[in-house]
Protein backbone atom coordinates (compact mmCIF):
# COMPACT_ATOMS: atom_id res chain seq x y z
CA MET A 1 -86.38 -25.14 -124.28
CA LEU A 2 -83.93 -25.47 -121.28
CA LEU A 3 -85.34 -22.45 -119.70
CA SER A 4 -88.97 -23.22 -120.50
CA PRO A 5 -91.30 -24.54 -117.76
CA LEU A 6 -92.28 -28.20 -117.28
CA THR A 7 -95.29 -29.34 -115.29
CA ILE A 8 -95.44 -32.78 -113.65
CA LYS A 9 -98.68 -33.48 -111.88
CA ASP A 10 -99.41 -30.40 -109.74
CA VAL A 11 -95.85 -29.15 -109.76
CA THR A 12 -94.45 -26.61 -112.27
CA PHE A 13 -90.69 -26.20 -112.52
CA ARG A 14 -89.80 -22.87 -113.96
CA ASN A 15 -87.15 -24.30 -116.24
CA ARG A 16 -85.48 -27.76 -117.04
CA VAL A 17 -82.34 -26.99 -114.97
CA THR A 18 -82.15 -29.43 -112.09
CA ILE A 19 -79.42 -29.63 -109.43
CA SER A 20 -78.45 -33.18 -108.94
CA PRO A 21 -78.27 -34.57 -105.43
CA MET A 22 -74.58 -34.33 -104.44
CA CYS A 23 -73.54 -35.46 -100.96
CA GLN A 24 -71.89 -32.61 -98.84
CA TYR A 25 -70.59 -34.91 -95.97
CA SER A 26 -71.35 -32.11 -93.64
CA ALA A 27 -74.06 -33.23 -91.19
CA ALA A 28 -73.90 -34.59 -87.75
CA ASP A 29 -76.32 -37.49 -86.91
CA GLY A 30 -78.14 -36.74 -89.97
CA PHE A 31 -79.03 -33.13 -89.08
CA ALA A 32 -78.86 -30.42 -91.72
CA ASN A 33 -77.22 -27.10 -90.72
CA ASP A 34 -76.34 -23.75 -92.26
CA TRP A 35 -73.95 -25.29 -94.86
CA HIS A 36 -76.86 -27.20 -96.44
CA LEU A 37 -79.02 -24.07 -96.31
CA VAL A 38 -76.52 -21.93 -98.15
CA HIS A 39 -75.42 -24.73 -100.56
CA LEU A 40 -78.96 -25.67 -101.66
CA GLY A 41 -80.35 -22.07 -101.34
CA SER A 42 -77.75 -20.46 -103.48
CA ARG A 43 -78.59 -22.89 -106.30
CA ALA A 44 -82.25 -21.71 -106.07
CA VAL A 45 -81.20 -18.14 -106.07
CA GLY A 46 -79.11 -19.15 -109.07
CA GLY A 47 -82.12 -19.77 -111.08
CA ALA A 48 -82.56 -23.62 -111.20
CA GLY A 49 -85.97 -25.05 -111.64
CA LEU A 50 -85.49 -28.05 -109.27
CA ILE A 51 -83.08 -28.61 -106.33
CA ILE A 52 -82.76 -32.22 -105.32
CA GLN A 53 -81.26 -32.57 -101.87
CA GLU A 54 -78.36 -35.00 -101.57
CA ALA A 55 -78.80 -38.73 -100.75
CA THR A 56 -80.66 -38.61 -97.50
CA ALA A 57 -80.52 -41.71 -95.39
CA VAL A 58 -83.76 -43.49 -94.31
CA SER A 59 -81.78 -45.13 -91.29
CA PRO A 60 -78.59 -44.50 -89.55
CA GLU A 61 -76.97 -47.54 -91.13
CA GLY A 62 -78.27 -46.35 -94.50
CA ARG A 63 -75.71 -43.47 -94.47
CA ILE A 64 -72.60 -43.45 -96.77
CA THR A 65 -70.60 -41.62 -94.07
CA PRO A 66 -71.28 -40.19 -90.63
CA GLY A 67 -71.63 -36.93 -92.38
CA ASP A 68 -74.63 -37.78 -94.46
CA LEU A 69 -78.05 -36.14 -94.21
CA GLY A 70 -80.78 -38.35 -92.69
CA LEU A 71 -84.61 -38.49 -92.26
CA TYR A 72 -84.56 -41.26 -89.65
CA LYS A 73 -85.66 -38.99 -86.81
CA LYS A 74 -88.59 -36.63 -86.67
CA GLU A 75 -86.20 -34.01 -85.13
CA HIS A 76 -84.45 -33.76 -88.52
CA ILE A 77 -87.58 -32.04 -90.07
CA GLU A 78 -87.23 -28.64 -88.49
CA MET A 79 -83.97 -27.53 -90.26
CA LEU A 80 -85.03 -29.17 -93.46
CA LYS A 81 -88.23 -27.23 -93.41
CA ARG A 82 -86.25 -24.04 -93.11
CA ILE A 83 -84.26 -25.09 -96.20
CA THR A 84 -87.32 -25.93 -98.34
CA THR A 85 -89.07 -22.81 -97.36
CA PHE A 86 -86.15 -20.71 -98.58
CA ILE A 87 -85.85 -22.64 -101.79
CA HIS A 88 -89.55 -22.18 -102.59
CA GLN A 89 -89.31 -18.40 -101.74
CA GLN A 90 -86.69 -18.18 -104.61
CA GLY A 91 -89.21 -19.75 -107.17
CA ALA A 92 -87.42 -23.13 -107.31
CA VAL A 93 -88.84 -26.52 -106.30
CA ALA A 94 -87.33 -28.40 -103.48
CA GLY A 95 -86.81 -32.21 -103.91
CA ILE A 96 -85.18 -34.86 -101.85
CA GLN A 97 -83.42 -38.05 -102.69
CA LEU A 98 -84.17 -41.04 -100.16
CA ALA A 99 -81.45 -43.53 -99.98
CA HIS A 100 -79.88 -46.51 -98.34
CA ALA A 101 -76.11 -47.08 -98.90
CA GLY A 102 -76.11 -50.87 -98.46
CA ARG A 103 -72.62 -52.41 -98.55
CA LYS A 104 -71.10 -49.02 -99.52
CA GLY A 105 -72.02 -47.43 -96.15
CA SER A 106 -69.86 -46.84 -93.05
CA CYS A 107 -67.15 -44.91 -94.85
CA ASN A 108 -64.98 -42.00 -93.77
CA LEU A 109 -65.49 -38.56 -95.20
CA PRO A 110 -63.87 -38.29 -98.65
CA TRP A 111 -61.35 -35.73 -97.66
CA LEU A 112 -60.24 -38.00 -94.78
CA GLY A 113 -59.49 -40.89 -97.20
CA GLY A 114 -63.05 -42.42 -97.60
CA LYS A 115 -62.11 -45.80 -96.32
CA GLN A 116 -64.66 -48.00 -94.66
CA LEU A 117 -64.88 -47.42 -90.86
CA ASN A 118 -65.20 -50.01 -88.20
CA GLU A 119 -67.32 -49.69 -85.06
CA LYS A 120 -64.31 -48.26 -83.10
CA GLU A 121 -64.02 -45.51 -85.72
CA GLU A 122 -67.67 -44.34 -85.65
CA GLY A 123 -68.64 -46.95 -88.25
CA TRP A 124 -71.38 -49.63 -88.34
CA GLN A 125 -72.03 -53.06 -89.82
CA THR A 126 -73.21 -52.80 -93.48
CA ALA A 127 -75.87 -54.77 -95.02
CA ALA A 128 -76.60 -56.00 -98.58
CA PRO A 129 -78.65 -58.50 -100.63
CA SER A 130 -75.65 -60.91 -100.47
CA ALA A 131 -72.45 -61.10 -98.29
CA ILE A 132 -70.14 -59.74 -100.88
CA ALA A 133 -67.77 -56.85 -100.07
CA PHE A 134 -67.60 -53.77 -102.36
CA GLY A 135 -63.73 -53.40 -102.29
CA GLU A 136 -60.86 -55.71 -101.37
CA CYS A 137 -60.15 -53.87 -98.02
CA ASP A 138 -63.95 -53.46 -97.15
CA ARG A 139 -65.64 -55.67 -94.59
CA VAL A 140 -68.16 -58.30 -95.76
CA PRO A 141 -71.71 -56.96 -95.35
CA LEU A 142 -74.45 -58.88 -93.60
CA GLU A 143 -76.97 -60.51 -96.02
CA VAL A 144 -80.28 -58.95 -95.01
CA ASP A 145 -83.01 -61.41 -94.10
CA PHE A 146 -86.72 -61.04 -94.74
CA ASN A 147 -87.44 -59.08 -91.48
CA GLU A 148 -84.62 -56.74 -92.13
CA ILE A 149 -86.01 -56.11 -95.73
CA GLN A 150 -89.36 -55.18 -94.15
CA ARG A 151 -87.65 -52.73 -91.76
CA ILE A 152 -85.90 -51.13 -94.78
CA ILE A 153 -89.13 -50.73 -96.60
CA LEU A 154 -90.81 -49.23 -93.57
CA ALA A 155 -87.74 -46.84 -93.24
CA PHE A 156 -88.44 -45.51 -96.71
CA LYS A 157 -92.08 -45.12 -96.06
CA THR A 158 -91.52 -43.16 -92.89
CA ALA A 159 -88.90 -40.98 -94.44
CA ALA A 160 -91.44 -40.11 -97.29
CA LYS A 161 -93.81 -39.05 -94.66
CA ARG A 162 -91.30 -36.81 -93.02
CA ALA A 163 -90.20 -35.49 -96.35
CA LEU A 164 -93.74 -34.26 -96.95
CA LEU A 165 -93.87 -32.68 -93.46
CA ALA A 166 -90.54 -30.88 -94.22
CA GLY A 167 -91.98 -29.30 -97.25
CA TYR A 168 -90.44 -31.20 -100.26
CA LYS A 169 -92.50 -31.27 -103.48
CA VAL A 170 -90.46 -34.10 -105.20
CA VAL A 171 -89.17 -37.28 -103.81
CA GLU A 172 -86.57 -39.40 -105.70
CA ILE A 173 -85.82 -42.93 -104.65
CA HIS A 174 -82.10 -43.68 -105.13
CA SER A 175 -81.63 -47.07 -106.84
CA ALA A 176 -78.38 -46.35 -108.53
CA HIS A 177 -74.55 -46.08 -107.99
CA GLY A 178 -74.13 -49.45 -106.28
CA TYR A 179 -76.20 -48.53 -103.17
CA LEU A 180 -78.70 -50.94 -101.59
CA LEU A 181 -81.58 -50.95 -104.06
CA HIS A 182 -79.17 -51.06 -107.02
CA GLU A 183 -77.41 -53.98 -105.25
CA PHE A 184 -80.69 -55.91 -105.37
CA LEU A 185 -81.18 -55.10 -109.02
CA SER A 186 -77.80 -56.31 -110.36
CA PRO A 187 -77.01 -60.09 -110.59
CA ILE A 188 -73.40 -59.27 -109.82
CA THR A 189 -74.30 -58.32 -106.16
CA ASN A 190 -77.58 -60.18 -105.74
CA HIS A 191 -76.91 -63.98 -105.36
CA ARG A 192 -80.03 -64.60 -103.36
CA THR A 193 -82.20 -67.68 -103.90
CA ASP A 194 -85.43 -66.36 -102.26
CA GLN A 195 -88.04 -64.13 -103.65
CA TYR A 196 -85.60 -61.15 -103.77
CA GLY A 197 -83.08 -62.89 -106.07
CA GLY A 198 -82.33 -64.88 -109.10
CA SER A 199 -84.86 -63.71 -111.87
CA PHE A 200 -85.32 -60.19 -113.06
CA GLU A 201 -88.77 -60.11 -111.43
CA ASN A 202 -87.19 -61.23 -108.04
CA ARG A 203 -84.26 -58.77 -108.36
CA ILE A 204 -86.64 -55.75 -108.93
CA ARG A 205 -89.07 -56.71 -106.13
CA LEU A 206 -87.53 -54.73 -103.33
CA LEU A 207 -87.48 -51.45 -105.31
CA LEU A 208 -91.11 -52.04 -106.36
CA GLU A 209 -92.08 -52.65 -102.74
CA VAL A 210 -90.24 -49.51 -101.77
CA VAL A 211 -92.08 -47.55 -104.45
CA ASP A 212 -95.39 -48.87 -103.06
CA ALA A 213 -94.42 -47.84 -99.51
CA VAL A 214 -93.32 -44.41 -100.52
CA GLN A 215 -96.47 -43.92 -102.56
CA SER A 216 -98.55 -44.83 -99.50
CA GLU A 217 -97.37 -41.65 -97.76
CA TRP A 218 -96.49 -39.44 -100.77
CA PRO A 219 -99.53 -37.54 -102.42
CA GLU A 220 -100.62 -38.59 -105.75
CA ASN A 221 -100.43 -35.01 -107.07
CA LEU A 222 -96.71 -34.60 -106.37
CA PRO A 223 -93.95 -36.02 -108.49
CA LEU A 224 -92.15 -39.15 -107.71
CA PHE A 225 -88.81 -39.90 -109.38
CA VAL A 226 -86.52 -42.98 -109.40
CA ARG A 227 -82.73 -42.71 -109.98
CA ILE A 228 -81.20 -45.79 -111.52
CA SER A 229 -77.82 -46.87 -112.98
CA ALA A 230 -78.82 -47.76 -116.60
CA THR A 231 -75.80 -50.06 -116.73
CA ASP A 232 -73.04 -51.57 -114.61
CA TRP A 233 -70.61 -51.18 -117.45
CA VAL A 234 -69.66 -54.86 -116.93
CA GLU A 235 -70.48 -58.06 -118.75
CA ASP A 236 -73.38 -60.01 -117.28
CA GLY A 237 -74.39 -57.08 -114.98
CA TRP A 238 -77.42 -54.76 -115.00
CA ASP A 239 -77.75 -53.33 -118.57
CA PRO A 240 -79.86 -50.85 -120.52
CA GLU A 241 -82.25 -53.55 -121.62
CA GLN A 242 -83.17 -54.42 -118.06
CA ALA A 243 -83.25 -50.71 -117.21
CA THR A 244 -85.71 -50.05 -119.84
CA GLN A 245 -87.88 -52.98 -118.73
CA LEU A 246 -87.78 -51.75 -115.27
CA ALA A 247 -88.76 -48.21 -116.40
CA THR A 248 -91.86 -49.63 -118.12
CA ILE A 249 -92.97 -51.24 -114.97
CA LEU A 250 -92.22 -48.16 -112.91
CA LYS A 251 -94.29 -45.97 -115.37
CA ASP A 252 -97.20 -48.37 -114.90
CA LYS A 253 -96.84 -48.03 -111.07
CA GLY A 254 -97.15 -44.22 -111.36
CA VAL A 255 -93.50 -43.16 -111.19
CA ASP A 256 -93.15 -39.89 -113.06
CA LEU A 257 -89.49 -39.74 -114.07
CA ILE A 258 -86.46 -41.89 -114.40
CA ASP A 259 -83.17 -40.11 -113.50
CA CYS A 260 -80.67 -41.89 -115.74
CA SER A 261 -77.25 -42.36 -114.40
CA SER A 262 -74.86 -45.34 -114.61
CA GLY A 263 -72.12 -47.28 -112.77
CA GLY A 264 -71.05 -47.35 -109.25
CA LEU A 265 -71.65 -51.02 -108.54
CA LEU A 266 -68.06 -52.19 -108.79
CA PRO A 267 -64.73 -50.33 -108.11
CA ASN A 268 -62.25 -49.76 -110.89
CA VAL A 269 -64.71 -50.11 -113.71
CA LYS A 270 -63.64 -48.43 -116.99
CA ILE A 271 -66.40 -45.99 -117.96
CA PRO A 272 -66.18 -44.28 -121.33
CA LEU A 273 -66.46 -40.81 -119.96
CA ALA A 274 -67.34 -38.05 -122.55
CA PRO A 275 -69.63 -35.07 -122.51
CA GLY A 276 -73.26 -36.20 -122.15
CA TYR A 277 -72.19 -39.74 -122.03
CA GLN A 278 -75.29 -40.95 -120.28
CA ALA A 279 -77.77 -39.04 -122.29
CA PRO A 280 -78.31 -41.93 -124.64
CA PHE A 281 -79.67 -44.02 -121.71
CA ALA A 282 -82.21 -41.33 -120.89
CA GLU A 283 -83.17 -41.14 -124.61
CA LYS A 284 -83.58 -44.94 -124.89
CA ILE A 285 -85.74 -45.23 -121.88
CA ARG A 286 -87.80 -42.08 -122.83
CA LYS A 287 -88.48 -43.29 -126.48
CA GLU A 288 -89.13 -46.97 -125.61
CA THR A 289 -91.27 -46.45 -122.57
CA GLY A 290 -92.91 -43.02 -122.85
CA ILE A 291 -91.76 -42.04 -119.35
CA LEU A 292 -90.24 -38.72 -118.64
CA THR A 293 -86.30 -38.86 -118.15
CA GLY A 294 -83.58 -36.77 -116.75
CA ALA A 295 -80.13 -36.73 -118.36
CA VAL A 296 -77.05 -36.45 -116.02
CA GLY A 297 -73.39 -36.75 -116.45
CA LEU A 298 -70.71 -34.28 -117.86
CA ILE A 299 -73.35 -31.80 -119.01
CA THR A 300 -71.55 -28.61 -118.55
CA GLU A 301 -72.71 -26.01 -120.97
CA ALA A 302 -76.04 -24.41 -121.89
CA ARG A 303 -76.07 -25.13 -125.47
CA GLN A 304 -75.14 -28.76 -124.88
CA ALA A 305 -78.07 -29.09 -122.47
CA GLU A 306 -80.27 -27.32 -124.97
CA ASN A 307 -79.30 -29.79 -127.59
CA ILE A 308 -80.08 -32.87 -125.45
CA LEU A 309 -83.64 -31.47 -124.97
CA GLN A 310 -84.09 -30.46 -128.64
CA LYS A 311 -83.13 -34.03 -129.67
CA GLY A 312 -85.64 -35.42 -127.38
CA GLN A 313 -83.24 -37.38 -125.30
CA ALA A 314 -84.57 -36.08 -121.96
CA ASP A 315 -87.08 -33.88 -120.15
CA LEU A 316 -84.91 -32.49 -117.44
CA ILE A 317 -81.12 -31.63 -117.45
CA ILE A 318 -79.62 -32.73 -114.15
CA LEU A 319 -76.38 -30.87 -113.38
CA ALA A 320 -73.82 -32.16 -110.85
CA ARG A 321 -70.27 -30.92 -110.55
CA VAL A 322 -70.71 -28.03 -112.90
CA ALA A 323 -73.41 -26.77 -110.40
CA LEU A 324 -70.80 -26.69 -107.74
CA ARG A 325 -68.51 -24.58 -109.76
CA GLU A 326 -71.44 -22.46 -111.22
CA PRO A 327 -74.32 -22.08 -108.69
CA TYR A 328 -75.91 -19.56 -110.96
CA PHE A 329 -75.80 -21.76 -114.04
CA ALA A 330 -79.40 -20.99 -115.00
CA LEU A 331 -78.97 -17.23 -114.87
CA ASN A 332 -75.83 -17.44 -116.90
CA ALA A 333 -77.54 -19.86 -119.44
CA ALA A 334 -80.21 -17.22 -120.09
CA LYS A 335 -77.54 -14.84 -121.27
CA GLU A 336 -75.92 -17.47 -123.41
CA LEU A 337 -79.14 -18.60 -125.05
CA ASP A 338 -80.45 -15.01 -125.32
CA VAL A 339 -83.51 -15.78 -123.18
CA GLN A 340 -85.09 -13.52 -120.61
CA ILE A 341 -85.73 -15.06 -117.24
CA ASP A 342 -86.57 -13.57 -113.90
CA TRP A 343 -83.59 -12.76 -111.68
CA PRO A 344 -83.89 -12.33 -107.90
CA VAL A 345 -84.82 -8.61 -107.38
CA GLN A 346 -81.73 -8.15 -105.19
CA TYR A 347 -79.50 -9.06 -108.13
CA GLU A 348 -81.38 -7.35 -111.04
CA ARG A 349 -78.81 -4.54 -111.25
CA ALA A 350 -76.32 -7.16 -112.37
CA ILE A 351 -78.22 -8.44 -115.41
CA LYS A 352 -76.42 -6.18 -117.85
């Protein structure tokens, strides 16, 4: 099942192995380069069915770091088109995650400490639903007003249009890990009293409007995913019940799959890490709403992934750090599971 195809709308994935969007912090002004081509391309050569490009900012201030990819300029399209063309030549599907970092933006590269940068350090003013800083040493973000919210929605819409021109066949909207759209969802970070805060219906409003905007540019025959944090792992925060309620609404709006992650809203939260620890969230949402789900989080072995699928917990297996260690995970999984799959002809002599 792990290595069996899955069709969503007009797109068929050759198997259920999906490469999770993982930031590389290696761009300049949002522009992709040869690192991104080789990084993403090698996972396509390695047999994965779907390659989701890292969180790609819809605006300059939507970046996590100055090294993030972006789609806020039409000039970004050219190199991204080269990458998607190569991925598709290998038989995989190219997807992209569209994102806005919110209050967690303007940070240094992780290997340079990752602290939040000020304007003198190539940083920028961050924005959020409410003026609440992420960490004790972080600057307080600006609370976005109605006009800025409309600009953010337009930025997602424009980025979706550019993603189509760049050749992507799947778009994923990033509403997880404490970034802007998740910040609106959670009552911990959203203290607004207008139509974007307070009740559940108001807190999900921005995400729904972003979905509408993206759908206005994204063809109906191509898949649309949404990544959510199914829980904040803190009391009185966003939780699996709200996540399931949201998933029901997203399904009715035509979203095809919920990518089920968790956490990221607050620093220093104790998360009960264990192999496949987030798969139960994907299972709950899948069984209670009928929408397709993706399981992600400490899934590191082929048989473990196969068991998640066989138990009906998810429809896609989304691999993160293990895919950095094992770019040819799918090819190796075929051997472990005793399944025959196509290898790149250039590598066929290494099958046995």
